[in-house]
Amino acid sequence: MLLKSLLPLLMLVLSASAQTPRFVVAGLRVMPDRWDKEANLRKLDQFAREAAGKGASVVVTPEGFLDGYVGNDRDLDRKRYFDTAEPIDGPSLLRVRNLARELKIHLAVGFPERKGDQVFNTVAIFGPDGALVSRYAKTHCGGEPHNTEGTEFPVVSTAYGRWGTLICLDRQLPETARILAIKGAQLILVPSYGMYGEINDVMMRTRAYENSVYVAFVHPKRVLIIDPGGKVVASDRGGKDEAVLGEVILDGRIGRGPIGARRPGIYGELLKAR
């Protein structure tokens, strides 16, 4: 009798669990080779296949992975850099699309994107059908001499929830992640390359907690998958290239932290120039 009376409650719990999106994100803690797109495409193929074979539905590279993030060199030759950059439909990106399609994964790759006479530090996400899901251009380029800064913070809907993207320096300004969270992002991808050390752990856990979102921080020397409470779900072991896998569960924790206490009406001073 007791089991019979509890059956409706059990069915309700099982139904809610089945409806909660759960998936595995893999961050590639992989050091790319500078100026060698062919070598980096081989590394991408190797580690994306490994991650997909272990159950990853989403695979993310560090910033500037295809070219080895040469765009930050202070004495960078403009012509050589522009010759290395590719449009979104360039030959290297076609191979990335095809890899995403073959492995039936979402694949996020950092590269220098050429648009006319400008180059952007871009992360493109391709879906399991090879289609472009998202394209984000770094909005705070710092000392990158030949990169044009982006001006938009897109949030895209996928089969695995709503995602936003930031790149490296973008993560150091709290406004950027907050904009994505306000726009409904449940997972923020943060491909990066510069600034290594404990500060990344502290900063990324804070961004996840203060915005009540998942954060996937992917750096050649550090990968962190962090839940909406600021807890590290998965991290690299250090010392060698590897794919770091962590489960993302888009449940009721998202959006229920301190972001819920916001009072936007009194924040007007944020818009004032320093």
C-alpha atoms as a PDB file:
ATOM      1  CA  MET A   1       0.000   0.000   0.000  1.00  0.00           C
ATOM      2  CA  LEU A   2       2.817   2.402   0.883  1.00  0.00           C
ATOM      3  CA  LEU A   3       4.555   1.776  -2.428  1.00  0.00           C
ATOM      4  CA  LYS A   4       1.307   2.288  -4.295  1.00  0.00           C
ATOM      5  CA  SER A   5       0.682   5.599  -2.542  1.00  0.00           C
ATOM      6  CA  LEU A   6       4.206   6.814  -3.328  1.00  0.00           C
ATOM      7  CA  LEU A   7       4.055   5.805  -6.981  1.00  0.00           C
ATOM      8  CA  PRO A   8       2.603   9.119  -8.294  1.00  0.00           C
ATOM      9  CA  LEU A   9       5.314  11.099  -6.452  1.00  0.00           C
ATOM     10  CA  LEU A  10       8.019   8.799  -7.792  1.00  0.00           C
ATOM     11  CA  MET A  11       6.723   9.178 -11.335  1.00  0.00           C
ATOM     12  CA  LEU A  12       6.700  12.969 -10.932  1.00  0.00           C
ATOM     13  CA  VAL A  13      10.325  12.982  -9.743  1.00  0.00           C
ATOM     14  CA  LEU A  14      11.415  10.716 -12.587  1.00  0.00           C
ATOM     15  CA  SER A  15       9.569  12.864 -15.112  1.00  0.00           C
ATOM     16  CA  ALA A  16      11.181  16.080 -13.832  1.00  0.00           C
ATOM     17  CA  SER A  17      14.599  14.430 -13.900  1.00  0.00           C
ATOM     18  CA  ALA A  18      14.076  13.287 -17.474  1.00  0.00           C
ATOM     19  CA  GLN A  19      13.195  16.828 -18.520  1.00  0.00           C
ATOM     20  CA  THR A  20      16.280  18.398 -16.926  1.00  0.00           C
ATOM     21  CA  PRO A  21      18.931  18.835 -19.635  1.00  0.00           C
ATOM     22  CA  ARG A  22      22.159  17.061 -18.725  1.00  0.00           C
ATOM     23  CA  PHE A  23      25.193  16.923 -20.973  1.00  0.00           C
ATOM     24  CA  VAL A  24      28.954  16.685 -20.862  1.00  0.00           C
ATOM     25  CA  VAL A  25      31.262  19.570 -21.790  1.00  0.00           C
ATOM     26  CA  ALA A  26      34.890  18.902 -22.677  1.00  0.00           C
ATOM     27  CA  GLY A  27      37.488  21.648 -22.415  1.00  0.00           C
ATOM     28  CA  LEU A  28      40.689  20.963 -24.329  1.00  0.00           C
ATOM     29  CA  ARG A  29      43.689  21.733 -22.144  1.00  0.00           C
ATOM     30  CA  VAL A  30      45.860  21.622 -25.244  1.00  0.00           C
ATOM     31  CA  MET A  31      48.747  23.908 -26.185  1.00  0.00           C
ATOM     32  CA  PRO A  32      48.504  24.878 -29.871  1.00  0.00           C
ATOM     33  CA  ASP A  33      51.519  25.381 -32.128  1.00  0.00           C
ATOM     34  CA  ARG A  34      52.139  28.980 -33.161  1.00  0.00           C
ATOM     35  CA  TRP A  35      51.504  29.753 -36.841  1.00  0.00           C
ATOM     36  CA  ASP A  36      50.790  26.082 -37.637  1.00  0.00           C
ATOM     37  CA  LYS A  37      47.112  25.602 -38.426  1.00  0.00           C
ATOM     38  CA  GLU A  38      47.674  22.148 -39.893  1.00  0.00           C
ATOM     39  CA  ALA A  39      49.298  20.872 -36.684  1.00  0.00           C
ATOM     40  CA  ASN A  40      46.537  22.432 -34.598  1.00  0.00           C
ATOM     41  CA  LEU A  41      43.805  20.894 -36.737  1.00  0.00           C
ATOM     42  CA  ARG A  42      45.410  17.508 -36.140  1.00  0.00           C
ATOM     43  CA  LYS A  43      45.423  18.153 -32.392  1.00  0.00           C
ATOM     44  CA  LEU A  44      41.795  19.241 -32.560  1.00  0.00           C
ATOM     45  CA  ASP A  45      40.870  16.071 -34.423  1.00  0.00           C
ATOM     46  CA  GLN A  46      42.686  13.888 -31.890  1.00  0.00           C
ATOM     47  CA  PHE A  47      41.297  15.428 -28.721  1.00  0.00           C
ATOM     48  CA  ALA A  48      37.780  16.094 -30.042  1.00  0.00           C
ATOM     49  CA  ARG A  49      37.503  12.435 -31.011  1.00  0.00           C
ATOM     50  CA  GLU A  50      38.768  11.397 -27.598  1.00  0.00           C
ATOM     51  CA  ALA A  51      36.269  13.658 -25.837  1.00  0.00           C
ATOM     52  CA  ALA A  52      33.347  12.566 -28.006  1.00  0.00           C
ATOM     53  CA  GLY A  53      34.289   8.935 -27.401  1.00  0.00           C
ATOM     54  CA  LYS A  54      33.995   9.580 -23.657  1.00  0.00           C
ATOM     55  CA  GLY A  55      30.528  11.076 -24.010  1.00  0.00           C
ATOM     56  CA  ALA A  56      31.128  14.803 -24.544  1.00  0.00           C
ATOM     57  CA  SER A  57      28.370  16.605 -26.445  1.00  0.00           C
ATOM     58  CA  VAL A  58      30.239  19.936 -26.399  1.00  0.00           C
ATOM     59  CA  VAL A  59      33.969  20.396 -27.055  1.00  0.00           C
ATOM     60  CA  VAL A  60      35.720  23.735 -26.531  1.00  0.00           C
ATOM     61  CA  THR A  61      39.255  24.833 -27.497  1.00  0.00           C
ATOM     62  CA  PRO A  62      41.320  27.638 -25.945  1.00  0.00           C
ATOM     63  CA  GLU A  63      41.365  31.117 -27.461  1.00  0.00           C
ATOM     64  CA  GLY A  64      43.059  31.472 -30.846  1.00  0.00           C
ATOM     65  CA  PHE A  65      43.573  27.734 -31.120  1.00  0.00           C
ATOM     66  CA  LEU A  66      43.842  27.420 -34.898  1.00  0.00           C
ATOM     67  CA  ASP A  67      46.745  29.870 -35.249  1.00  0.00           C
ATOM     68  CA  GLY A  68      48.320  29.430 -31.810  1.00  0.00           C
ATOM     69  CA  TYR A  69      47.077  32.856 -30.651  1.00  0.00           C
ATOM     70  CA  VAL A  70      49.738  34.836 -32.494  1.00  0.00           C
ATOM     71  CA  GLY A  71      47.507  37.928 -32.534  1.00  0.00           C
ATOM     72  CA  ASN A  72      48.820  39.126 -29.168  1.00  0.00           C
ATOM     73  CA  ASP A  73      52.406  39.705 -30.377  1.00  0.00           C
ATOM     74  CA  ARG A  74      53.352  43.363 -29.984  1.00  0.00           C
ATOM     75  CA  ASP A  75      55.613  43.289 -33.080  1.00  0.00           C
ATOM     76  CA  LEU A  76      53.192  41.226 -35.155  1.00  0.00           C
ATOM     77  CA  ASP A  77      53.530  41.605 -38.923  1.00  0.00           C
ATOM     78  CA  ARG A  78      50.135  42.759 -40.153  1.00  0.00           C
ATOM     79  CA  LYS A  79      50.312  41.141 -43.581  1.00  0.00           C
ATOM     80  CA  ARG A  80      51.406  37.773 -42.232  1.00  0.00           C
ATOM     81  CA  TYR A  81      48.639  37.869 -39.643  1.00  0.00           C
ATOM     82  CA  PHE A  82      45.968  38.778 -42.196  1.00  0.00           C
ATOM     83  CA  ASP A  83      47.205  36.004 -44.475  1.00  0.00           C
ATOM     84  CA  THR A  84      46.816  33.547 -41.584  1.00  0.00           C
ATOM     85  CA  ALA A  85      43.303  34.732 -40.719  1.00  0.00           C
ATOM     86  CA  GLU A  86      40.331  33.094 -42.443  1.00  0.00           C
ATOM     87  CA  PRO A  87      36.687  33.972 -43.077  1.00  0.00           C
ATOM     88  CA  ILE A  88      34.035  31.881 -41.351  1.00  0.00           C
ATOM     89  CA  ASP A  89      33.741  29.747 -44.498  1.00  0.00           C
ATOM     90  CA  GLY A  90      37.515  29.330 -44.941  1.00  0.00           C
ATOM     91  CA  PRO A  91      39.211  25.946 -45.506  1.00  0.00           C
ATOM     92  CA  SER A  92      40.234  25.376 -41.875  1.00  0.00           C
ATOM     93  CA  LEU A  93      36.765  26.220 -40.629  1.00  0.00           C
ATOM     94  CA  LEU A  94      35.264  23.850 -43.186  1.00  0.00           C
ATOM     95  CA  ARG A  95      37.315  21.057 -41.621  1.00  0.00           C
ATOM     96  CA  VAL A  96      36.056  22.081 -38.175  1.00  0.00           C
ATOM     97  CA  ARG A  97      32.456  22.010 -39.448  1.00  0.00           C
ATOM     98  CA  ASN A  98      32.970  18.573 -40.924  1.00  0.00           C
ATOM     99  CA  LEU A  99      34.509  17.276 -37.698  1.00  0.00           C
ATOM    100  CA  ALA A 100      31.544  18.542 -35.667  1.00  0.00           C
ATOM    101  CA  ARG A 101      29.186  16.867 -38.137  1.00  0.00           C
ATOM    102  CA  GLU A 102      31.087  13.572 -38.124  1.00  0.00           C
ATOM    103  CA  LEU A 103      31.300  13.369 -34.331  1.00  0.00           C
ATOM    104  CA  LYS A 104      27.746  14.724 -33.841  1.00  0.00           C
ATOM    105  CA  ILE A 105      28.928  17.297 -31.304  1.00  0.00           C
ATOM    106  CA  HIS A 106      28.915  21.040 -30.711  1.00  0.00           C
ATOM    107  CA  LEU A 107      32.474  22.186 -31.416  1.00  0.00           C
ATOM    108  CA  ALA A 108      33.710  25.636 -30.301  1.00  0.00           C
ATOM    109  CA  VAL A 109      36.990  26.793 -31.864  1.00  0.00           C
ATOM    110  CA  GLY A 110      39.007  30.002 -31.462  1.00  0.00           C
ATOM    111  CA  PHE A 111      40.578  31.545 -34.577  1.00  0.00           C
ATOM    112  CA  PRO A 112      41.430  34.888 -36.231  1.00  0.00           C
ATOM    113  CA  GLU A 113      38.433  35.735 -38.409  1.00  0.00           C
ATOM    114  CA  ARG A 114      38.975  37.893 -41.473  1.00  0.00           C
ATOM    115  CA  LYS A 115      36.138  40.177 -42.550  1.00  0.00           C
ATOM    116  CA  GLY A 116      37.151  42.476 -45.382  1.00  0.00           C
ATOM    117  CA  ASP A 117      40.084  44.558 -44.170  1.00  0.00           C
ATOM    118  CA  GLN A 118      39.552  43.657 -40.497  1.00  0.00           C
ATOM    119  CA  VAL A 119      40.449  40.678 -38.309  1.00  0.00           C
ATOM    120  CA  PHE A 120      38.497  39.649 -35.209  1.00  0.00           C
ATOM    121  CA  ASN A 121      39.525  37.345 -32.368  1.00  0.00           C
ATOM    122  CA  THR A 122      36.588  34.973 -32.773  1.00  0.00           C
ATOM    123  CA  VAL A 123      35.120  31.821 -31.288  1.00  0.00           C
ATOM    124  CA  ALA A 124      32.761  29.943 -33.603  1.00  0.00           C
ATOM    125  CA  ILE A 125      30.509  27.109 -32.470  1.00  0.00           C
ATOM    126  CA  PHE A 126      29.423  24.512 -35.016  1.00  0.00           C
ATOM    127  CA  GLY A 127      26.580  22.101 -34.308  1.00  0.00           C
ATOM    128  CA  PRO A 128      26.180  18.361 -34.843  1.00  0.00           C
ATOM    129  CA  ASP A 129      24.894  19.052 -38.362  1.00  0.00           C
ATOM    130  CA  GLY A 130      27.902  21.245 -39.180  1.00  0.00           C
ATOM    131  CA  ALA A 131      25.856  24.444 -39.136  1.00  0.00           C
ATOM    132  CA  LEU A 132      27.136  27.619 -37.465  1.00  0.00           C
ATOM    133  CA  VAL A 133      25.437  27.910 -34.065  1.00  0.00           C
ATOM    134  CA  SER A 134      27.218  30.970 -32.674  1.00  0.00           C
ATOM    135  CA  ARG A 135      29.982  33.396 -33.555  1.00  0.00           C
ATOM    136  CA  TYR A 136      31.429  35.736 -30.927  1.00  0.00           C
ATOM    137  CA  ALA A 137      34.120  38.362 -31.505  1.00  0.00           C
ATOM    138  CA  LYS A 138      36.237  39.322 -28.467  1.00  0.00           C
ATOM    139  CA  THR A 139      35.010  42.675 -27.157  1.00  0.00           C
ATOM    140  CA  HIS A 140      38.059  43.629 -25.065  1.00  0.00           C
ATOM    141  CA  CYS A 141      41.227  42.954 -27.059  1.00  0.00           C
ATOM    142  CA  GLY A 142      43.711  44.776 -24.838  1.00  0.00           C
ATOM    143  CA  GLY A 143      47.108  44.871 -26.541  1.00  0.00           C
ATOM    144  CA  GLU A 144      46.231  42.817 -29.631  1.00  0.00           C
ATOM    145  CA  PRO A 145      47.613  45.190 -32.297  1.00  0.00           C
ATOM    146  CA  HIS A 146      45.644  44.130 -35.375  1.00  0.00           C
ATOM    147  CA  ASN A 147      42.377  42.782 -33.972  1.00  0.00           C
ATOM    148  CA  THR A 148      39.148  44.762 -34.196  1.00  0.00           C
ATOM    149  CA  GLU A 149      37.022  44.609 -31.050  1.00  0.00           C
ATOM    150  CA  GLY A 150      33.513  43.189 -31.225  1.00  0.00           C
ATOM    151  CA  THR A 151      30.516  45.041 -29.835  1.00  0.00           C
ATOM    152  CA  GLU A 152      27.863  42.380 -29.218  1.00  0.00           C
ATOM    153  CA  PHE A 153      27.120  39.692 -26.604  1.00  0.00           C
ATOM    154  CA  PRO A 154      25.028  37.029 -28.324  1.00  0.00           C
ATOM    155  CA  VAL A 155      23.158  34.358 -26.391  1.00  0.00           C
ATOM    156  CA  VAL A 156      22.048  31.396 -28.491  1.00  0.00           C
ATOM    157  CA  SER A 157      19.490  28.652 -27.921  1.00  0.00           C
ATOM    158  CA  THR A 158      20.726  25.103 -28.433  1.00  0.00           C
ATOM    159  CA  ALA A 159      19.460  21.598 -27.742  1.00  0.00           C
ATOM    160  CA  TYR A 160      21.424  21.923 -24.488  1.00  0.00           C
ATOM    161  CA  GLY A 161      20.082  25.220 -23.221  1.00  0.00           C
ATOM    162  CA  ARG A 162      21.121  28.823 -23.765  1.00  0.00           C
ATOM    163  CA  TRP A 163      24.803  29.701 -24.143  1.00  0.00           C
ATOM    164  CA  GLY A 164      26.937  32.805 -24.201  1.00  0.00           C
ATOM    165  CA  THR A 165      30.628  33.206 -24.949  1.00  0.00           C
ATOM    166  CA  LEU A 166      33.427  35.414 -23.622  1.00  0.00           C
ATOM    167  CA  ILE A 167      37.092  35.386 -24.630  1.00  0.00           C
ATOM    168  CA  CYS A 168      40.019  35.815 -22.214  1.00  0.00           C
ATOM    169  CA  LEU A 169      40.226  39.482 -21.150  1.00  0.00           C
ATOM    170  CA  ASP A 170      36.441  39.779 -21.459  1.00  0.00           C
ATOM    171  CA  ARG A 171      36.111  37.601 -18.354  1.00  0.00           C
ATOM    172  CA  GLN A 172      37.965  40.119 -16.179  1.00  0.00           C
ATOM    173  CA  LEU A 173      35.156  42.668 -16.421  1.00  0.00           C
ATOM    174  CA  PRO A 174      32.090  41.605 -14.396  1.00  0.00           C
ATOM    175  CA  GLU A 175      29.690  43.432 -16.720  1.00  0.00           C
ATOM    176  CA  THR A 176      30.295  41.030 -19.619  1.00  0.00           C
ATOM    177  CA  ALA A 177      29.192  37.830 -17.884  1.00  0.00           C
ATOM    178  CA  ARG A 178      26.341  39.711 -16.218  1.00  0.00           C
ATOM    179  CA  ILE A 179      25.015  40.860 -19.603  1.00  0.00           C
ATOM    180  CA  LEU A 180      24.982  37.258 -20.815  1.00  0.00           C
ATOM    181  CA  ALA A 181      23.215  36.069 -17.661  1.00  0.00           C
ATOM    182  CA  ILE A 182      20.607  38.818 -17.903  1.00  0.00           C
ATOM    183  CA  LYS A 183      19.991  37.758 -21.507  1.00  0.00           C
ATOM    184  CA  GLY A 184      19.257  34.239 -20.318  1.00  0.00           C
ATOM    185  CA  ALA A 185      22.557  32.393 -20.675  1.00  0.00           C
ATOM    186  CA  GLN A 186      22.698  29.189 -18.632  1.00  0.00           C
ATOM    187  CA  LEU A 187      26.228  28.251 -19.682  1.00  0.00           C
ATOM    188  CA  ILE A 188      29.052  30.676 -20.452  1.00  0.00           C
ATOM    189  CA  LEU A 189      32.000  29.404 -22.474  1.00  0.00           C
ATOM    190  CA  VAL A 190      35.267  31.235 -21.749  1.00  0.00           C
ATOM    191  CA  PRO A 191      38.064  30.222 -24.141  1.00  0.00           C
ATOM    192  CA  SER A 192      41.266  31.939 -22.990  1.00  0.00           C
ATOM    193  CA  TYR A 193      45.016  31.994 -23.459  1.00  0.00           C
ATOM    194  CA  GLY A 194      46.676  34.729 -21.408  1.00  0.00           C
ATOM    195  CA  MET A 195      47.079  35.207 -17.646  1.00  0.00           C
ATOM    196  CA  TYR A 196      47.818  31.935 -15.906  1.00  0.00           C
ATOM    197  CA  GLY A 197      47.574  31.114 -12.220  1.00  0.00           C
ATOM    198  CA  GLU A 198      45.255  30.785  -9.238  1.00  0.00           C
ATOM    199  CA  ILE A 199      43.507  34.050 -10.127  1.00  0.00           C
ATOM    200  CA  ASN A 200      41.650  32.182 -12.882  1.00  0.00           C
ATOM    201  CA  ASP A 201      40.135  29.736 -10.404  1.00  0.00           C
ATOM    202  CA  VAL A 202      39.019  32.547  -8.120  1.00  0.00           C
ATOM    203  CA  MET A 203      37.690  34.724 -10.925  1.00  0.00           C
ATOM    204  CA  MET A 204      35.821  32.011 -12.786  1.00  0.00           C
ATOM    205  CA  ARG A 205      34.208  30.595  -9.655  1.00  0.00           C
ATOM    206  CA  THR A 206      33.093  34.114  -8.796  1.00  0.00           C
ATOM    207  CA  ARG A 207      31.603  34.695 -12.264  1.00  0.00           C
ATOM    208  CA  ALA A 208      29.647  31.447 -12.009  1.00  0.00           C
ATOM    209  CA  TYR A 209      28.396  32.199  -8.487  1.00  0.00           C
ATOM    210  CA  GLU A 210      27.492  35.853  -8.940  1.00  0.00           C
ATOM    211  CA  ASN A 211      25.540  35.098 -12.139  1.00  0.00           C
ATOM    212  CA  SER A 212      24.149  31.685 -11.114  1.00  0.00           C
ATOM    213  CA  VAL A 213      25.327  30.032 -14.341  1.00  0.00           C
ATOM    214  CA  TYR A 214      27.655  27.267 -15.440  1.00  0.00           C
ATOM    215  CA  VAL A 215      31.069  28.423 -16.642  1.00  0.00           C
ATOM    216  CA  ALA A 216      33.466  26.452 -18.846  1.00  0.00           C
ATOM    217  CA  PHE A 217      36.899  28.081 -18.692  1.00  0.00           C
ATOM    218  CA  VAL A 218      39.271  26.642 -21.302  1.00  0.00           C
ATOM    219  CA  HIS A 219      42.934  27.667 -21.303  1.00  0.00           C
ATOM    220  CA  PRO A 220      45.992  25.797 -22.673  1.00  0.00           C
ATOM    221  CA  LYS A 221      47.206  25.379 -19.087  1.00  0.00           C
ATOM    222  CA  ARG A 222      43.949  25.250 -17.126  1.00  0.00           C
ATOM    223  CA  VAL A 223      40.400  23.980 -17.635  1.00  0.00           C
ATOM    224  CA  LEU A 224      37.555  24.480 -15.164  1.00  0.00           C
ATOM    225  CA  ILE A 225      33.920  23.404 -15.395  1.00  0.00           C
ATOM    226  CA  ILE A 226      32.037  25.280 -12.651  1.00  0.00           C
ATOM    227  CA  ASP A 227      28.434  25.011 -11.487  1.00  0.00           C
ATOM    228  CA  PRO A 228      26.036  27.897 -10.617  1.00  0.00           C
ATOM    229  CA  GLY A 229      27.047  27.730  -6.950  1.00  0.00           C
ATOM    230  CA  GLY A 230      30.710  28.323  -7.774  1.00  0.00           C
ATOM    231  CA  LYS A 231      31.715  24.680  -7.231  1.00  0.00           C
ATOM    232  CA  VAL A 232      34.351  23.210  -9.551  1.00  0.00           C
ATOM    233  CA  VAL A 233      32.747  20.200 -11.241  1.00  0.00           C
ATOM    234  CA  ALA A 234      35.865  19.215 -13.201  1.00  0.00           C
ATOM    235  CA  SER A 235      39.406  20.501 -13.681  1.00  0.00           C
ATOM    236  CA  ASP A 236      42.606  19.469 -15.432  1.00  0.00           C
ATOM    237  CA  ARG A 237      45.256  17.332 -13.805  1.00  0.00           C
ATOM    238  CA  GLY A 238      48.046  19.540 -15.152  1.00  0.00           C
ATOM    239  CA  GLY A 239      51.300  18.654 -16.826  1.00  0.00           C
ATOM    240  CA  LYS A 240      50.125  17.480 -20.234  1.00  0.00           C
ATOM    241  CA  ASP A 241      47.576  18.027 -22.974  1.00  0.00           C
ATOM    242  CA  GLU A 242      44.207  16.513 -22.138  1.00  0.00           C
ATOM    243  CA  ALA A 243      40.455  16.729 -22.633  1.00  0.00           C
ATOM    244  CA  VAL A 244      38.728  17.647 -19.358  1.00  0.00           C
ATOM    245  CA  LEU A 245      35.125  16.459 -19.104  1.00  0.00           C
ATOM    246  CA  GLY A 246      32.468  17.774 -16.755  1.00  0.00           C
ATOM    247  CA  GLU A 247      28.701  17.286 -16.542  1.00  0.00           C
ATOM    248  CA  VAL A 248      26.379  20.274 -16.851  1.00  0.00           C
ATOM    249  CA  ILE A 249      22.894  19.974 -15.335  1.00  0.00           C
ATOM    250  CA  LEU A 250      20.549  22.809 -16.279  1.00  0.00           C
ATOM    251  CA  ASP A 251      18.374  22.659 -13.178  1.00  0.00           C
ATOM    252  CA  GLY A 252      16.726  25.116 -10.817  1.00  0.00           C
ATOM    253  CA  ARG A 253      20.017  26.406  -9.431  1.00  0.00           C
ATOM    254  CA  ILE A 254      20.503  28.570 -12.500  1.00  0.00           C
ATOM    255  CA  GLY A 255      19.383  32.139 -11.897  1.00  0.00           C
ATOM    256  CA  ARG A 256      18.545  31.571  -8.226  1.00  0.00           C
ATOM    257  CA  GLY A 257      21.710  32.940  -6.622  1.00  0.00           C
ATOM    258  CA  PRO A 258      22.664  36.562  -5.863  1.00  0.00           C
ATOM    259  CA  ILE A 259      21.650  37.696  -9.348  1.00  0.00           C
ATOM    260  CA  GLY A 260      18.068  37.340  -8.155  1.00  0.00           C
ATOM    261  CA  ALA A 261      18.610  40.201  -5.669  1.00  0.00           C
ATOM    262  CA  ARG A 262      19.520  42.756  -8.348  1.00  0.00           C
ATOM    263  CA  ARG A 263      18.024  46.274  -8.233  1.00  0.00           C
ATOM    264  CA  PRO A 264      18.729  47.626 -11.735  1.00  0.00           C
ATOM    265  CA  GLY A 265      16.917  50.884 -11.060  1.00  0.00           C
ATOM    266  CA  ILE A 266      19.700  52.134  -8.772  1.00  0.00           C
ATOM    267  CA  TYR A 267      22.642  51.076 -10.979  1.00  0.00           C
ATOM    268  CA  GLY A 268      22.662  54.044 -13.346  1.00  0.00           C
ATOM    269  CA  GLU A 269      26.144  55.109 -12.230  1.00  0.00           C
ATOM    270  CA  LEU A 270      27.557  52.070 -14.031  1.00  0.00           C
ATOM    271  CA  LEU A 271      26.919  53.872 -17.311  1.00  0.00           C
ATOM    272  CA  LYS A 272      29.085  56.843 -16.393  1.00  0.00           C
ATOM    273  CA  ALA A 273      32.548  57.048 -17.932  1.00  0.00           C
ATOM    274  CA  ARG A 274      35.360  56.964 -15.391  1.00  0.00           C
END
